[in-house]
Protein backbone atom coordinates (compact mmCIF):
# COMPACT_ATOMS: atom_id res chain seq x y z
CA MET A 1 134.17 93.50 124.30
CA ARG A 2 134.84 90.21 123.56
CA ARG A 3 133.03 89.00 126.30
CA SER A 4 129.79 90.80 125.18
CA LEU A 5 130.08 89.22 122.11
CA GLU A 6 130.56 85.66 123.03
CA ASP A 7 127.18 85.51 125.26
CA PRO A 8 124.85 86.33 122.36
CA ILE A 9 126.45 83.70 119.77
CA PHE A 10 126.56 81.07 122.78
CA ARG A 11 122.94 81.88 123.31
CA TYR A 12 122.32 81.64 119.33
CA VAL A 13 123.82 78.31 119.00
CA ALA A 14 122.07 76.93 122.17
CA PHE A 15 118.81 78.04 120.60
CA SER A 16 119.71 76.73 117.19
CA ALA A 17 120.59 73.39 118.58
CA ALA A 18 117.20 73.25 120.68
CA THR A 19 115.39 74.62 117.66
CA LEU A 20 116.94 72.06 115.24
CA LEU A 21 116.04 68.98 117.41
CA LEU A 22 112.16 70.35 117.26
CA VAL A 23 112.54 70.88 113.71
CA VAL A 24 113.72 66.94 113.21
CA LEU A 25 111.28 65.39 115.50
CA SER A 26 108.48 67.29 113.69
CA GLY A 27 109.62 66.46 110.57
CA LEU A 28 109.92 62.48 111.66
CA ILE A 29 106.21 62.90 112.90
CA VAL A 30 104.78 64.51 109.68
CA SER A 31 106.61 62.13 107.39
CA LEU A 32 105.31 59.13 109.28
CA ALA A 33 101.89 60.64 109.34
CA ILE A 34 101.78 61.22 105.58
CA GLY A 35 102.92 58.06 104.55
CA SER A 36 100.66 55.93 106.72
CA TRP A 37 97.81 58.00 106.04
CA PRO A 38 96.41 55.72 102.90
CA ALA A 39 96.40 52.58 105.33
CA LEU A 40 94.76 54.73 108.13
CA SER A 41 92.44 56.06 106.10
CA LYS A 42 91.09 52.98 104.50
CA PHE A 43 91.13 51.04 107.39
CA GLY A 44 90.50 53.50 109.91
CA PRO A 45 90.15 52.35 113.56
CA ALA A 46 90.17 48.74 112.58
CA PHE A 47 94.15 49.15 111.90
CA LEU A 48 94.48 49.37 115.52
CA PHE A 49 91.97 47.01 116.86
CA SER A 50 92.28 44.39 114.20
CA SER A 51 94.89 41.39 114.44
CA ASN A 52 94.38 40.50 110.62
CA TRP A 53 97.43 41.08 108.93
CA ASP A 54 97.18 39.70 105.37
CA PRO A 55 99.78 41.01 102.74
CA ALA A 56 98.59 38.91 100.14
CA ASN A 57 95.18 40.75 100.31
CA GLU A 58 96.27 44.19 101.33
CA VAL A 59 94.28 43.71 104.62
CA PHE A 60 96.28 44.74 107.83
CA GLY A 61 95.57 45.19 111.56
CA ALA A 62 98.09 46.33 113.72
CA ALA A 63 96.41 45.09 117.09
CA GLY A 64 98.73 41.91 117.25
CA PRO A 65 102.23 43.70 116.78
CA ILE A 66 100.79 46.30 119.05
CA VAL A 67 99.98 43.67 122.08
CA GLY A 68 103.19 41.66 121.22
CA THR A 69 105.15 44.87 121.71
CA LEU A 70 103.61 45.89 125.22
CA LEU A 71 103.53 42.34 126.57
CA SER A 72 107.06 41.51 125.58
CA SER A 73 108.44 44.87 126.95
CA PHE A 74 106.22 44.83 130.08
CA LEU A 75 107.65 41.12 130.78
CA ALA A 76 111.56 42.14 130.21
CA LEU A 77 111.20 45.07 132.79
CA ALA A 78 109.48 42.60 135.34
CA PHE A 79 112.56 40.60 134.96
CA ALA A 80 115.25 43.00 134.80
CA LEU A 81 114.27 45.47 137.31
CA PRO A 82 114.63 43.41 140.54
CA ILE A 83 117.95 42.09 139.17
CA ALA A 84 119.28 45.32 138.26
CA LEU A 85 118.28 47.04 141.63
CA GLY A 86 119.83 43.77 143.46
CA ILE A 87 123.27 44.30 141.20
CA ALA A 88 122.86 48.10 142.05
CA ILE A 89 122.45 47.64 146.01
CA PHE A 90 124.99 44.72 146.27
CA LEU A 91 127.80 46.92 144.23
CA THR A 92 127.27 49.97 146.22
CA GLN A 93 126.22 48.53 149.78
CA PHE A 94 127.63 45.36 150.26
CA CYS A 95 130.58 44.10 147.76
CA PRO A 96 133.99 44.28 148.59
CA PRO A 97 135.84 47.22 146.89
CA ALA A 98 138.35 44.82 145.31
CA ILE A 99 135.64 42.99 143.26
CA ALA A 100 133.00 45.74 143.06
CA GLN A 101 134.91 47.37 140.05
CA PRO A 102 135.53 44.10 138.24
CA ILE A 103 131.83 43.11 138.67
CA ALA A 104 130.55 46.93 137.40
CA ILE A 105 132.69 46.47 134.44
CA MET A 106 131.22 43.22 133.34
CA SER A 107 127.89 44.32 133.86
CA GLU A 108 128.33 47.49 131.58
CA LEU A 109 130.35 45.52 128.78
CA LEU A 110 126.86 43.45 128.35
CA ALA A 111 125.29 47.02 127.15
CA GLY A 112 128.40 46.91 124.37
CA ILE A 113 127.16 43.87 122.76
CA PRO A 114 125.22 44.23 119.61
CA SER A 115 121.72 43.09 119.58
CA ILE A 116 122.18 40.57 116.57
CA VAL A 117 124.58 38.70 118.73
CA TYR A 118 121.94 38.43 121.52
CA GLY A 119 119.36 37.55 118.86
CA MET A 120 121.58 34.72 117.24
CA TRP A 121 122.48 33.53 120.80
CA GLY A 122 118.62 33.30 122.02
CA LEU A 123 117.67 31.44 118.65
CA PHE A 124 120.54 29.07 118.77
CA VAL A 125 121.46 28.35 122.11
CA PHE A 126 118.64 29.67 124.58
CA ALA A 127 115.57 28.55 122.76
CA PRO A 128 116.47 25.08 122.17
CA TRP A 129 117.62 25.04 125.84
CA PHE A 130 114.45 26.29 126.96
CA SER A 131 112.28 24.30 124.96
CA GLU A 132 113.82 21.08 125.75
CA HIS A 133 114.13 21.85 129.45
CA ILE A 134 111.35 24.30 130.19
CA GLN A 135 108.65 24.78 127.70
CA THR A 136 107.87 20.70 126.57
CA PRO A 137 107.36 19.82 130.08
CA LEU A 138 105.05 22.92 131.19
CA SER A 139 103.13 22.95 127.78
CA GLY A 140 101.37 19.83 128.78
CA LEU A 141 99.42 21.78 131.64
CA GLY A 142 97.71 23.75 128.86
CA GLY A 143 96.61 27.70 129.62
CA ILE A 144 99.16 30.03 129.76
CA PHE A 145 102.05 27.29 129.09
CA ALA A 146 100.25 26.22 125.90
CA GLY A 147 101.78 26.76 122.91
CA VAL A 148 104.29 25.06 120.12
CA PRO A 149 107.34 23.62 122.14
CA ASN A 150 109.97 25.43 119.58
CA GLY A 151 111.42 28.15 122.06
CA ALA A 152 110.38 30.89 119.97
CA ASN A 153 107.54 32.66 121.73
CA ILE A 154 107.17 35.90 123.45
CA PHE A 155 108.44 34.49 126.95
CA THR A 156 112.06 33.57 125.38
CA ALA A 157 112.01 37.09 123.62
CA SER A 158 111.07 38.73 126.72
CA VAL A 159 113.88 36.75 128.72
CA ILE A 160 116.58 38.23 125.84
CA LEU A 161 114.79 41.76 126.07
CA ALA A 162 115.48 41.44 129.92
CA ILE A 163 119.08 40.73 129.42
CA MET A 164 119.69 43.58 127.08
CA ILE A 165 118.09 46.16 128.97
CA LEU A 166 119.43 44.69 132.35
CA PRO A 167 123.27 46.59 132.04
CA TYR A 168 121.31 50.02 131.53
CA MET A 169 119.33 50.03 134.61
CA ALA A 170 121.82 48.39 136.81
CA ALA A 171 124.51 51.18 135.86
CA VAL A 172 121.96 53.96 136.44
CA PHE A 173 120.98 52.29 139.47
CA ARG A 174 124.57 52.04 140.53
CA GLU A 175 125.31 55.83 140.09
CA LEU A 176 122.48 57.22 141.96
CA PHE A 177 123.17 54.96 145.08
CA ARG A 178 126.55 56.21 144.52
CA SER A 179 125.34 59.54 144.53
CA ILE A 180 123.80 59.32 148.06
CA PRO A 181 125.87 61.09 150.85
CA PRO A 182 127.57 58.68 153.01
CA GLN A 183 126.18 60.45 156.04
CA VAL A 184 122.50 59.26 155.01
CA ARG A 185 123.39 55.90 155.17
CA GLU A 186 125.28 56.17 158.36
CA ALA A 187 122.80 58.06 160.16
CA ALA A 188 120.27 54.91 158.82
CA PHE A 189 122.32 52.93 161.17
CA GLY A 190 123.26 55.03 163.70
CA MET A 191 119.13 54.90 164.52
CA GLY A 192 119.45 51.02 164.70
CA ALA A 193 118.39 50.51 161.26
CA THR A 194 119.45 46.96 159.69
CA PRO A 195 120.76 46.68 155.90
CA LEU A 196 117.51 45.65 154.70
CA GLU A 197 115.55 48.83 156.44
CA ALA A 198 118.46 51.03 155.42
CA VAL A 199 118.24 50.29 151.97
CA THR A 200 114.20 50.02 151.68
CA ARG A 201 113.30 53.18 153.89
CA VAL A 202 116.20 55.34 153.58
CA LEU A 203 118.51 54.87 150.54
CA ILE A 204 115.58 53.80 147.65
CA PRO A 205 113.36 56.79 148.55
CA TYR A 206 116.03 59.28 148.34
CA VAL A 207 116.85 58.36 144.73
CA LYS A 208 113.36 57.15 143.73
CA LYS A 209 112.89 60.11 141.27
CA GLY A 210 116.14 58.71 139.47
CA MET A 211 114.76 55.27 139.38
CA VAL A 212 111.37 56.05 137.70
CA GLY A 213 113.64 57.49 135.02
CA ALA A 214 115.96 54.54 134.92
CA THR A 215 113.10 52.21 134.70
CA MET A 216 111.69 54.09 132.05
CA LEU A 217 114.73 54.18 130.27
CA GLY A 218 114.85 50.28 130.21
CA PHE A 219 111.31 49.87 129.06
CA GLY A 220 111.77 52.32 126.24
CA ARG A 221 114.88 50.48 125.29
CA ALA A 222 112.37 47.63 125.37
CA LEU A 223 109.84 48.90 123.47
CA GLY A 224 111.96 49.63 120.29
CA GLU A 225 114.40 46.70 120.13
CA THR A 226 114.08 44.89 116.73
CA MET A 227 116.76 42.59 115.68
CA ALA A 228 117.09 40.42 118.90
CA VAL A 229 113.25 39.98 119.22
CA THR A 230 112.71 39.44 115.29
CA PHE A 231 114.98 36.29 115.94
CA ILE A 232 113.36 34.94 118.89
CA ILE A 233 109.68 35.73 119.05
CA GLY A 234 108.29 33.96 116.24
CA ASN A 235 106.83 36.45 114.06
CA SER A 236 103.10 35.69 114.27
CA HIS A 237 100.91 38.52 113.98
CA GLY A 238 97.84 37.06 115.53
CA PHE A 239 97.17 37.71 119.54
CA PRO A 240 99.44 35.85 122.12
CA THR A 241 97.04 33.33 123.68
CA SER A 242 99.65 32.45 126.44
CA LEU A 243 103.18 33.16 127.46
CA PHE A 244 104.61 30.51 125.12
CA SER A 245 102.60 31.76 122.17
CA SER A 246 104.44 33.20 119.28
CA GLY A 247 103.95 36.65 118.53
CA SER A 248 105.60 39.67 116.61
CA THR A 249 106.43 43.33 117.76
CA LEU A 250 105.77 46.74 115.60
CA ALA A 251 109.71 47.03 115.39
CA SER A 252 109.98 43.36 114.31
CA THR A 253 107.23 43.51 111.75
CA ILE A 254 108.76 46.55 110.04
CA ALA A 255 112.12 44.70 109.92
CA ASN A 256 110.65 41.63 108.41
CA GLU A 257 108.06 42.93 105.55
CA PHE A 258 109.79 46.47 104.85
CA ALA A 259 111.90 45.37 101.83
CA GLU A 260 109.41 43.37 100.05
CA ALA A 261 106.52 45.66 100.80
CA GLY A 262 103.89 47.05 97.62
CA VAL A 263 102.58 50.35 98.17
CA MET A 264 99.52 49.98 100.66
CA HIS A 265 101.75 47.20 102.64
CA THR A 266 104.75 50.16 102.80
CA SER A 267 101.86 52.52 104.22
CA ALA A 268 100.72 49.95 106.73
CA LEU A 269 104.33 49.54 108.06
CA LEU A 270 104.83 53.13 108.31
CA GLY A 271 101.68 53.23 110.37
CA LEU A 272 103.44 50.83 112.67
CA GLY A 273 106.12 53.11 112.86
CA LEU A 274 104.05 56.10 113.90
CA VAL A 275 101.97 53.54 116.43
CA LEU A 276 105.40 52.77 117.95
CA PHE A 277 106.58 56.59 118.07
CA LEU A 278 103.45 57.40 119.91
CA ILE A 279 103.65 54.72 122.37
CA THR A 280 107.18 55.64 123.07
CA PHE A 281 106.21 59.27 123.68
CA GLY A 282 103.18 57.96 125.88
CA VAL A 283 105.72 56.37 127.95
CA LEU A 284 108.04 58.96 128.32
CA ALA A 285 105.05 61.41 128.90
CA ILE A 286 103.90 59.20 131.83
CA ALA A 287 107.47 59.50 133.14
CA ARG A 288 107.51 63.17 133.15
CA TRP A 289 104.44 63.10 135.02
CA LEU A 290 105.33 60.70 137.56
CA LEU A 291 108.91 62.77 137.99
CA SER A 292 107.11 65.85 138.46
CA SER A 293 104.31 64.13 140.89
CA GLN A 294 106.94 63.13 143.43
CA ARG A 295 108.65 64.98 146.00
CA TYR A 296 111.46 64.04 148.04
C-alpha cells in the first residue's frame, strides 16, 4: 500500500518541478518582452542594426553591444578551447599520478574566483602590462591592431573571458577523458598508434558529443559574463573596428546604465536583456542540434 502511494507522489513532485521551471522561463520571457516593447516598437529593426546609443536624446541601437558580445565570446572560446583540451589530455593521459591531482585542483580553483576579482586584476595588472608591452608596439602597424593603447579593448576582455571559462571547460574535458574505458586506449596502442594518433583518432572521437556540450557551456558562460568585461572592455557603444578597439557587450551595457536609466532607456536595456536571452537560447539550440546530429 505504501509503495503504491509513493510512486504517484514522486511522479507528481517531478512533474511539478518541471512545470515550475517552464513557468519561470515563460515568465522571464514575457516580462522581458513587455518591458522592452516601448523601445522595440519605437525603433523597430533599427534597434538591432544601429550602433547609435544616445541616452541624452533617447536614441538606442543595440548593434554595437551585440557585435561586442559575439566577438569577445568567440575570441575567448578560440583562446580557451585548445588550452583546456591540452590540460585535460595531459592530466588524463600523460601526467604522473603524483602531480595530476594537485594540478587538477589548482585548475578547478580558478572557477571559484569571483568575476569582479578577474575584472580588477585585468584592469589594474593585465591591461597596463598589455598596453606597454604588446599594444603600444603593435598599434603603429594599424589595421586590426589600431586603437588607443590604454589596454582596455575587445582583445584584453577576450583574454580575461578565456581565463574565466578555461577551468570549466578543462574540468569537463578531463572528466570526459576519464570516462573512457582503459581498454580503448590500450587497444589503440596495441594497434601501433602513437600517443598523438591515439588521442586524435580514438579518444577525442570517442567523447566528441560531450566535448560539444562542454564547448557550448564555455561559450554560454562567456556570453553572459558581466562585471569582468565591464572593467576591461572600454565600454564604447560603436562597432569595434580592430582587435584593440574599445567596445561593449549586452551584459556590460545593462550593468553600467541600469541604475541611471529613464523610462525609454530602461526599456532599451530590457531589450538588450531580451536579445541576450535569445542569443543564449540560440546557442543552446545549436548545441542540441549538433549533439543530435552526431553519431559515435
